[in-house]
Amino acid sequence: MVGVKCPRRNCTSISLASLSAQIGRAQRGAYGTAKANLFGFTKALAMGLAPFKTNVNPISPGSVMTPMLHLNAPEVPEARLESIPLLGI
């Protein structure tokens, strides 16, 4: 059981997952597996916290432009930029 530290009911918990858990990437198996496990943990947490009316959800942002992204796949960022629908906002 998870201890709930919420001053009231109807709290929210958000876990930071990744699209890699859903689509998979070559040579990134461990990362995708870890994030897929996070989805399973989030589901279990949601079931455990349901009696406390706590909303538990994962979010899966896309790539975040960081130096690490350029180190891991220097040719990919430009292609990824073109696939972001809300880039111009």
PDB file of N, CA and C in Angstrom:
ATOM      1  N   MET A   1       0.840  -1.182   0.000  1.00  0.00           N
ATOM      2  CA  MET A   1       0.000   0.000   0.000  1.00  0.00           C
ATOM      3  C   MET A   1       0.882   1.241   0.000  1.00  0.00           C
ATOM      4  N   VAL A   2       0.420   2.258  -0.623  1.00  0.00           N
ATOM      5  CA  VAL A   2       1.156   3.513  -0.718  1.00  0.00           C
ATOM      6  C   VAL A   2       0.614   4.486   0.316  1.00  0.00           C
ATOM      7  N   GLY A   3       1.498   5.126   1.031  1.00  0.00           N
ATOM      8  CA  GLY A   3       1.067   6.159   1.972  1.00  0.00           C
ATOM      9  C   GLY A   3       0.674   7.413   1.216  1.00  0.00           C
ATOM     10  N   VAL A   4      -0.478   7.946   1.512  1.00  0.00           N
ATOM     11  CA  VAL A   4      -0.965   9.127   0.808  1.00  0.00           C
ATOM     12  C   VAL A   4      -0.695  10.354   1.669  1.00  0.00           C
ATOM     13  N   LYS A   5       0.066  11.290   1.143  1.00  0.00           N
ATOM     14  CA  LYS A   5       0.332  12.538   1.841  1.00  0.00           C
ATOM     15  C   LYS A   5      -0.327  13.654   1.059  1.00  0.00           C
ATOM     16  N   CYS A   6      -1.605  13.729   1.219  1.00  0.00           N
ATOM     17  CA  CYS A   6      -2.392  14.719   0.510  1.00  0.00           C
ATOM     18  C   CYS A   6      -3.325  15.356   1.546  1.00  0.00           C
ATOM     19  N   PRO A   7      -3.321  16.666   1.661  1.00  0.00           N
ATOM     20  CA  PRO A   7      -4.145  17.302   2.678  1.00  0.00           C
ATOM     21  C   PRO A   7      -5.648  17.133   2.438  1.00  0.00           C
ATOM     22  N   ARG A   8      -5.998  16.737   1.272  1.00  0.00           N
ATOM     23  CA  ARG A   8      -7.412  16.542   0.936  1.00  0.00           C
ATOM     24  C   ARG A   8      -7.521  15.407  -0.066  1.00  0.00           C
ATOM     25  N   ARG A   9      -8.720  14.972  -0.327  1.00  0.00           N
ATOM     26  CA  ARG A   9      -8.901  13.970  -1.378  1.00  0.00           C
ATOM     27  C   ARG A   9      -8.860  14.662  -2.730  1.00  0.00           C
ATOM     28  N   ASN A  10      -8.991  13.894  -3.775  1.00  0.00           N
ATOM     29  CA  ASN A  10      -8.984  14.414  -5.144  1.00  0.00           C
ATOM     30  C   ASN A  10      -7.621  15.002  -5.530  1.00  0.00           C
ATOM     31  N   CYS A  11      -6.544  14.340  -5.138  1.00  0.00           N
ATOM     32  CA  CYS A  11      -5.201  14.763  -5.528  1.00  0.00           C
ATOM     33  C   CYS A  11      -4.864  14.200  -6.904  1.00  0.00           C
ATOM     34  N   THR A  12      -3.743  14.637  -7.428  1.00  0.00           N
ATOM     35  CA  THR A  12      -3.276  14.175  -8.736  1.00  0.00           C
ATOM     36  C   THR A  12      -1.809  13.779  -8.649  1.00  0.00           C
ATOM     37  N   SER A  13      -1.466  12.687  -9.304  1.00  0.00           N
ATOM     38  CA  SER A  13      -0.082  12.246  -9.413  1.00  0.00           C
ATOM     39  C   SER A  13       0.232  12.057 -10.889  1.00  0.00           C
ATOM     40  N   ILE A  14       1.359  12.597 -11.332  1.00  0.00           N
ATOM     41  CA  ILE A  14       1.763  12.475 -12.732  1.00  0.00           C
ATOM     42  C   ILE A  14       3.147  11.841 -12.780  1.00  0.00           C
ATOM     43  N   SER A  15       3.285  10.802 -13.591  1.00  0.00           N
ATOM     44  CA  SER A  15       4.605  10.198 -13.793  1.00  0.00           C
ATOM     45  C   SER A  15       5.084  10.561 -15.193  1.00  0.00           C
ATOM     46  N   LEU A  16       6.365  10.765 -15.316  1.00  0.00           N
ATOM     47  CA  LEU A  16       6.958  11.165 -16.582  1.00  0.00           C
ATOM     48  C   LEU A  16       7.435   9.921 -17.318  1.00  0.00           C
ATOM     49  N   ALA A  17       6.675   9.517 -18.298  1.00  0.00           N
ATOM     50  CA  ALA A  17       6.993   8.328 -19.087  1.00  0.00           C
ATOM     51  C   ALA A  17       7.697   8.776 -20.376  1.00  0.00           C
ATOM     52  N   SER A  18       7.601   7.986 -21.410  1.00  0.00           N
ATOM     53  CA  SER A  18       8.271   8.325 -22.665  1.00  0.00           C
ATOM     54  C   SER A  18       7.597   7.597 -23.822  1.00  0.00           C
ATOM     55  N   LEU A  19       7.633   8.215 -24.978  1.00  0.00           N
ATOM     56  CA  LEU A  19       7.125   7.550 -26.174  1.00  0.00           C
ATOM     57  C   LEU A  19       7.946   6.302 -26.498  1.00  0.00           C
ATOM     58  N   SER A  20       9.170   6.246 -26.004  1.00  0.00           N
ATOM     59  CA  SER A  20      10.017   5.071 -26.245  1.00  0.00           C
ATOM     60  C   SER A  20       9.406   3.802 -25.668  1.00  0.00           C
ATOM     61  N   ALA A  21       8.566   3.939 -24.663  1.00  0.00           N
ATOM     62  CA  ALA A  21       7.899   2.772 -24.084  1.00  0.00           C
ATOM     63  C   ALA A  21       6.865   2.204 -25.039  1.00  0.00           C
ATOM     64  N   GLN A  22       6.355   3.029 -25.929  1.00  0.00           N
ATOM     65  CA  GLN A  22       5.286   2.599 -26.824  1.00  0.00           C
ATOM     66  C   GLN A  22       5.768   2.263 -28.225  1.00  0.00           C
ATOM     67  N   ILE A  23       6.792   2.948 -28.699  1.00  0.00           N
ATOM     68  CA  ILE A  23       7.224   2.697 -30.071  1.00  0.00           C
ATOM     69  C   ILE A  23       8.537   1.932 -30.157  1.00  0.00           C
ATOM     70  N   GLY A  24       9.346   1.989 -29.117  1.00  0.00           N
ATOM     71  CA  GLY A  24      10.620   1.273 -29.129  1.00  0.00           C
ATOM     72  C   GLY A  24      11.618   1.888 -30.093  1.00  0.00           C
ATOM     73  N   ARG A  25      12.878   1.787 -29.751  1.00  0.00           N
ATOM     74  CA  ARG A  25      13.926   2.333 -30.602  1.00  0.00           C
ATOM     75  C   ARG A  25      15.115   1.381 -30.591  1.00  0.00           C
ATOM     76  N   ALA A  26      15.752   1.254 -31.719  1.00  0.00           N
ATOM     77  CA  ALA A  26      16.935   0.394 -31.815  1.00  0.00           C
ATOM     78  C   ALA A  26      18.013   0.889 -30.866  1.00  0.00           C
ATOM     79  N   GLN A  27      18.680  -0.017 -30.219  1.00  0.00           N
ATOM     80  CA  GLN A  27      19.773   0.258 -29.290  1.00  0.00           C
ATOM     81  C   GLN A  27      19.344   1.090 -28.085  1.00  0.00           C
ATOM     82  N   ARG A  28      18.056   1.136 -27.793  1.00  0.00           N
ATOM     83  CA  ARG A  28      17.541   1.845 -26.621  1.00  0.00           C
ATOM     84  C   ARG A  28      16.584   0.947 -25.846  1.00  0.00           C
ATOM     85  N   GLY A  29      16.851  -0.350 -25.880  1.00  0.00           N
ATOM     86  CA  GLY A  29      15.961  -1.328 -25.256  1.00  0.00           C
ATOM     87  C   GLY A  29      15.812  -1.149 -23.759  1.00  0.00           C
ATOM     88  N   ALA A  30      16.912  -0.880 -23.064  1.00  0.00           N
ATOM     89  CA  ALA A  30      16.838  -0.727 -21.607  1.00  0.00           C
ATOM     90  C   ALA A  30      16.011   0.495 -21.230  1.00  0.00           C
ATOM     91  N   TYR A  31      16.196   1.584 -21.956  1.00  0.00           N
ATOM     92  CA  TYR A  31      15.446   2.808 -21.670  1.00  0.00           C
ATOM     93  C   TYR A  31      13.948   2.588 -21.915  1.00  0.00           C
ATOM     94  N   GLY A  32      13.612   1.999 -23.059  1.00  0.00           N
ATOM     95  CA  GLY A  32      12.212   1.734 -23.379  1.00  0.00           C
ATOM     96  C   GLY A  32      11.575   0.776 -22.383  1.00  0.00           C
ATOM     97  N   THR A  33      12.338  -0.223 -21.957  1.00  0.00           N
ATOM     98  CA  THR A  33      11.837  -1.180 -20.972  1.00  0.00           C
ATOM     99  C   THR A  33      11.562  -0.500 -19.641  1.00  0.00           C
ATOM    100  N   ALA A  34      12.476   0.354 -19.211  1.00  0.00           N
ATOM    101  CA  ALA A  34      12.284   1.070 -17.945  1.00  0.00           C
ATOM    102  C   ALA A  34      11.046   1.954 -18.001  1.00  0.00           C
ATOM    103  N   LYS A  35      10.857   2.620 -19.108  1.00  0.00           N
ATOM    104  CA  LYS A  35       9.689   3.502 -19.232  1.00  0.00           C
ATOM    105  C   LYS A  35       8.405   2.692 -19.353  1.00  0.00           C
ATOM    106  N   ALA A  36       8.455   1.525 -19.995  1.00  0.00           N
ATOM    107  CA  ALA A  36       7.274   0.656 -20.071  1.00  0.00           C
ATOM    108  C   ALA A  36       6.914   0.155 -18.676  1.00  0.00           C
ATOM    109  N   ASN A  37       7.928  -0.142 -17.867  1.00  0.00           N
ATOM    110  CA  ASN A  37       7.669  -0.535 -16.482  1.00  0.00           C
ATOM    111  C   ASN A  37       7.005   0.595 -15.716  1.00  0.00           C
ATOM    112  N   LEU A  38       7.370   1.816 -16.032  1.00  0.00           N
ATOM    113  CA  LEU A  38       6.749   2.964 -15.377  1.00  0.00           C
ATOM    114  C   LEU A  38       5.256   3.024 -15.687  1.00  0.00           C
ATOM    115  N   PHE A  39       4.873   2.661 -16.911  1.00  0.00           N
ATOM    116  CA  PHE A  39       3.441   2.607 -17.245  1.00  0.00           C
ATOM    117  C   PHE A  39       2.733   1.584 -16.356  1.00  0.00           C
ATOM    118  N   GLY A  40       3.339   0.414 -16.187  1.00  0.00           N
ATOM    119  CA  GLY A  40       2.741  -0.614 -15.335  1.00  0.00           C
ATOM    120  C   GLY A  40       2.647  -0.165 -13.889  1.00  0.00           C
ATOM    121  N   PHE A  41       3.701   0.465 -13.387  1.00  0.00           N
ATOM    122  CA  PHE A  41       3.682   0.969 -12.022  1.00  0.00           C
ATOM    123  C   PHE A  41       2.598   2.031 -11.850  1.00  0.00           C
ATOM    124  N   THR A  42       2.459   2.897 -12.845  1.00  0.00           N
ATOM    125  CA  THR A  42       1.444   3.953 -12.774  1.00  0.00           C
ATOM    126  C   THR A  42       0.044   3.361 -12.718  1.00  0.00           C
ATOM    127  N   LYS A  43      -0.195   2.306 -13.478  1.00  0.00           N
ATOM    128  CA  LYS A  43      -1.511   1.636 -13.438  1.00  0.00           C
ATOM    129  C   LYS A  43      -1.760   1.038 -12.059  1.00  0.00           C
ATOM    130  N   ALA A  44      -0.738   0.394 -11.497  1.00  0.00           N
ATOM    131  CA  ALA A  44      -0.883  -0.197 -10.167  1.00  0.00           C
ATOM    132  C   ALA A  44      -1.101   0.886  -9.118  1.00  0.00           C
ATOM    133  N   LEU A  45      -0.389   1.976  -9.241  1.00  0.00           N
ATOM    134  CA  LEU A  45      -0.549   3.089  -8.310  1.00  0.00           C
ATOM    135  C   LEU A  45      -1.958   3.676  -8.410  1.00  0.00           C
ATOM    136  N   ALA A  46      -2.465   3.784  -9.620  1.00  0.00           N
ATOM    137  CA  ALA A  46      -3.828   4.296  -9.815  1.00  0.00           C
ATOM    138  C   ALA A  46      -4.851   3.401  -9.115  1.00  0.00           C
ATOM    139  N   MET A  47      -4.651   2.097  -9.220  1.00  0.00           N
ATOM    140  CA  MET A  47      -5.578   1.180  -8.549  1.00  0.00           C
ATOM    141  C   MET A  47      -5.461   1.298  -7.029  1.00  0.00           C
ATOM    142  N   GLY A  48      -4.239   1.441  -6.533  1.00  0.00           N
ATOM    143  CA  GLY A  48      -4.036   1.547  -5.096  1.00  0.00           C
ATOM    144  C   GLY A  48      -4.550   2.841  -4.505  1.00  0.00           C
ATOM    145  N   LEU A  49      -4.502   3.919  -5.292  1.00  0.00           N
ATOM    146  CA  LEU A  49      -4.924   5.219  -4.784  1.00  0.00           C
ATOM    147  C   LEU A  49      -6.364   5.575  -5.143  1.00  0.00           C
ATOM    148  N   ALA A  50      -7.023   4.716  -5.889  1.00  0.00           N
ATOM    149  CA  ALA A  50      -8.416   4.980  -6.266  1.00  0.00           C
ATOM    150  C   ALA A  50      -9.327   5.223  -5.061  1.00  0.00           C
ATOM    151  N   PRO A  51      -9.193   4.469  -3.968  1.00  0.00           N
ATOM    152  CA  PRO A  51     -10.059   4.735  -2.812  1.00  0.00           C
ATOM    153  C   PRO A  51      -9.880   6.139  -2.222  1.00  0.00           C
ATOM    154  N   PHE A  52      -8.745   6.753  -2.497  1.00  0.00           N
ATOM    155  CA  PHE A  52      -8.491   8.103  -1.996  1.00  0.00           C
ATOM    156  C   PHE A  52      -8.868   9.175  -3.019  1.00  0.00           C
ATOM    157  N   LYS A  53      -9.509   8.734  -4.095  1.00  0.00           N
ATOM    158  CA  LYS A  53      -9.921   9.626  -5.185  1.00  0.00           C
ATOM    159  C   LYS A  53      -8.732  10.427  -5.734  1.00  0.00           C
ATOM    160  N   THR A  54      -7.617   9.733  -5.865  1.00  0.00           N
ATOM    161  CA  THR A  54      -6.410  10.347  -6.420  1.00  0.00           C
ATOM    162  C   THR A  54      -6.260   9.942  -7.871  1.00  0.00           C
ATOM    163  N   ASN A  55      -6.116  10.914  -8.729  1.00  0.00           N
ATOM    164  CA  ASN A  55      -5.963  10.702 -10.162  1.00  0.00           C
ATOM    165  C   ASN A  55      -4.482  10.470 -10.465  1.00  0.00           C
ATOM    166  N   VAL A  56      -4.157   9.354 -11.094  1.00  0.00           N
ATOM    167  CA  VAL A  56      -2.768   9.008 -11.401  1.00  0.00           C
ATOM    168  C   VAL A  56      -2.645   8.770 -12.898  1.00  0.00           C
ATOM    169  N   ASN A  57      -1.768   9.534 -13.553  1.00  0.00           N
ATOM    170  CA  ASN A  57      -1.602   9.417 -14.993  1.00  0.00           C
ATOM    171  C   ASN A  57      -0.148   9.555 -15.394  1.00  0.00           C
ATOM    172  N   PRO A  58       0.247   8.836 -16.459  1.00  0.00           N
ATOM    173  CA  PRO A  58       1.574   9.075 -17.030  1.00  0.00           C
ATOM    174  C   PRO A  58       1.455  10.086 -18.172  1.00  0.00           C
ATOM    175  N   ILE A  59       2.492  10.843 -18.405  1.00  0.00           N
ATOM    176  CA  ILE A  59       2.543  11.681 -19.597  1.00  0.00           C
ATOM    177  C   ILE A  59       3.772  11.252 -20.388  1.00  0.00           C
ATOM    178  N   SER A  60       3.677  11.336 -21.695  1.00  0.00           N
ATOM    179  CA  SER A  60       4.773  10.909 -22.572  1.00  0.00           C
ATOM    180  C   SER A  60       5.142  12.040 -23.518  1.00  0.00           C
ATOM    181  N   PRO A  61       6.016  12.926 -23.068  1.00  0.00           N
ATOM    182  CA  PRO A  61       6.435  13.989 -23.977  1.00  0.00           C
ATOM    183  C   PRO A  61       7.325  13.425 -25.078  1.00  0.00           C
ATOM    184  N   GLY A  62       7.426  14.144 -26.134  1.00  0.00           N
ATOM    185  CA  GLY A  62       8.335  13.747 -27.199  1.00  0.00           C
ATOM    186  C   GLY A  62       9.755  14.127 -26.836  1.00  0.00           C
ATOM    187  N   SER A  63      10.602  14.198 -27.811  1.00  0.00           N
ATOM    188  CA  SER A  63      12.008  14.532 -27.579  1.00  0.00           C
ATOM    189  C   SER A  63      12.136  15.949 -27.040  1.00  0.00           C
ATOM    190  N   VAL A  64      13.084  16.121 -26.157  1.00  0.00           N
ATOM    191  CA  VAL A  64      13.398  17.433 -25.610  1.00  0.00           C
ATOM    192  C   VAL A  64      14.788  17.794 -26.112  1.00  0.00           C
ATOM    193  N   MET A  65      14.890  18.952 -26.729  1.00  0.00           N
ATOM    194  CA  MET A  65      16.164  19.355 -27.306  1.00  0.00           C
ATOM    195  C   MET A  65      17.182  19.648 -26.207  1.00  0.00           C
ATOM    196  N   THR A  66      18.057  18.719 -26.003  1.00  0.00           N
ATOM    197  CA  THR A  66      19.135  18.858 -25.026  1.00  0.00           C
ATOM    198  C   THR A  66      20.428  18.437 -25.698  1.00  0.00           C
ATOM    199  N   PRO A  67      21.567  18.776 -25.113  1.00  0.00           N
ATOM    200  CA  PRO A  67      22.841  18.311 -25.691  1.00  0.00           C
ATOM    201  C   PRO A  67      22.899  16.786 -25.793  1.00  0.00           C
ATOM    202  N   MET A  68      22.273  16.081 -24.841  1.00  0.00           N
ATOM    203  CA  MET A  68      22.297  14.622 -24.885  1.00  0.00           C
ATOM    204  C   MET A  68      21.584  14.088 -26.128  1.00  0.00           C
ATOM    205  N   LEU A  69      20.508  14.733 -26.540  1.00  0.00           N
ATOM    206  CA  LEU A  69      19.801  14.300 -27.742  1.00  0.00           C
ATOM    207  C   LEU A  69      20.721  14.388 -28.952  1.00  0.00           C
ATOM    208  N   HIS A  70      21.491  15.448 -29.045  1.00  0.00           N
ATOM    209  CA  HIS A  70      22.419  15.601 -30.170  1.00  0.00           C
ATOM    210  C   HIS A  70      23.559  14.592 -30.108  1.00  0.00           C
ATOM    211  N   LEU A  71      23.981  14.227 -28.902  1.00  0.00           N
ATOM    212  CA  LEU A  71      25.048  13.229 -28.775  1.00  0.00           C
ATOM    213  C   LEU A  71      24.573  11.842 -29.178  1.00  0.00           C
ATOM    214  N   ASN A  72      23.348  11.497 -28.798  1.00  0.00           N
ATOM    215  CA  ASN A  72      22.820  10.163 -29.072  1.00  0.00           C
ATOM    216  C   ASN A  72      22.458   9.959 -30.533  1.00  0.00           C
ATOM    217  N   ALA A  73      21.949  10.975 -31.159  1.00  0.00           N
ATOM    218  CA  ALA A  73      21.518  10.837 -32.556  1.00  0.00           C
ATOM    219  C   ALA A  73      21.635  12.189 -33.249  1.00  0.00           C
ATOM    220  N   PRO A  74      22.832  12.589 -33.662  1.00  0.00           N
ATOM    221  CA  PRO A  74      23.025  13.927 -34.216  1.00  0.00           C
ATOM    222  C   PRO A  74      22.213  14.212 -35.476  1.00  0.00           C
ATOM    223  N   GLU A  75      21.858  13.176 -36.231  1.00  0.00           N
ATOM    224  CA  GLU A  75      21.116  13.413 -37.470  1.00  0.00           C
ATOM    225  C   GLU A  75      19.608  13.472 -37.258  1.00  0.00           C
ATOM    226  N   VAL A  76      19.138  13.056 -36.102  1.00  0.00           N
ATOM    227  CA  VAL A  76      17.698  12.911 -35.873  1.00  0.00           C
ATOM    228  C   VAL A  76      16.977  14.206 -35.522  1.00  0.00           C
ATOM    229  N   PRO A  77      17.552  15.141 -34.776  1.00  0.00           N
ATOM    230  CA  PRO A  77      16.765  16.293 -34.334  1.00  0.00           C
ATOM    231  C   PRO A  77      16.034  17.045 -35.429  1.00  0.00           C
ATOM    232  N   GLU A  78      16.651  17.255 -36.573  1.00  0.00           N
ATOM    233  CA  GLU A  78      15.977  17.986 -37.640  1.00  0.00           C
ATOM    234  C   GLU A  78      14.727  17.249 -38.121  1.00  0.00           C
ATOM    235  N   ALA A  79      14.820  15.937 -38.284  1.00  0.00           N
ATOM    236  CA  ALA A  79      13.660  15.155 -38.704  1.00  0.00           C
ATOM    237  C   ALA A  79      12.572  15.197 -37.640  1.00  0.00           C
ATOM    238  N   ARG A  80      12.976  15.161 -36.370  1.00  0.00           N
ATOM    239  CA  ARG A  80      11.995  15.223 -35.292  1.00  0.00           C
ATOM    240  C   ARG A  80      11.316  16.581 -35.241  1.00  0.00           C
ATOM    241  N   LEU A  81      12.059  17.646 -35.490  1.00  0.00           N
ATOM    242  CA  LEU A  81      11.463  18.981 -35.478  1.00  0.00           C
ATOM    243  C   LEU A  81      10.337  19.083 -36.503  1.00  0.00           C
ATOM    244  N   GLU A  82      10.547  18.496 -37.659  1.00  0.00           N
ATOM    245  CA  GLU A  82       9.537  18.565 -38.712  1.00  0.00           C
ATOM    246  C   GLU A  82       8.270  17.786 -38.356  1.00  0.00           C
ATOM    247  N   SER A  83       8.376  16.852 -37.426  1.00  0.00           N
ATOM    248  CA  SER A  83       7.215  16.029 -37.079  1.00  0.00           C
ATOM    249  C   SER A  83       6.419  16.591 -35.893  1.00  0.00           C
ATOM    250  N   ILE A  84       6.839  17.734 -35.338  1.00  0.00           N
ATOM    251  CA  ILE A  84       6.155  18.306 -34.184  1.00  0.00           C
ATOM    252  C   ILE A  84       5.047  19.238 -34.665  1.00  0.00           C
ATOM    253  N   PRO A  85       3.779  18.863 -34.459  1.00  0.00           N
ATOM    254  CA  PRO A  85       2.668  19.658 -34.974  1.00  0.00           C
ATOM    255  C   PRO A  85       2.564  21.043 -34.352  1.00  0.00           C
ATOM    256  N   LEU A  86       2.903  21.204 -33.089  1.00  0.00           N
ATOM    257  CA  LEU A  86       2.719  22.477 -32.410  1.00  0.00           C
ATOM    258  C   LEU A  86       4.002  23.300 -32.334  1.00  0.00           C
ATOM    259  N   LEU A  87       4.949  23.022 -33.175  1.00  0.00           N
ATOM    260  CA  LEU A  87       6.240  23.692 -33.102  1.00  0.00           C
ATOM    261  C   LEU A  87       6.114  25.203 -33.273  1.00  0.00           C
ATOM    262  N   GLY A  88       5.212  25.653 -34.113  1.00  0.00           N
ATOM    263  CA  GLY A  88       5.077  27.065 -34.394  1.00  0.00           C
ATOM    264  C   GLY A  88       4.358  27.866 -33.325  1.00  0.00           C
ATOM    265  N   ILE A  89       3.888  27.193 -32.300  1.00  0.00           N
ATOM    266  CA  ILE A  89       3.120  27.904 -31.258  1.00  0.00           C
ATOM    267  C   ILE A  89       4.051  28.482 -30.223  1.00  0.00           C
TER     268      ILE A  89
END
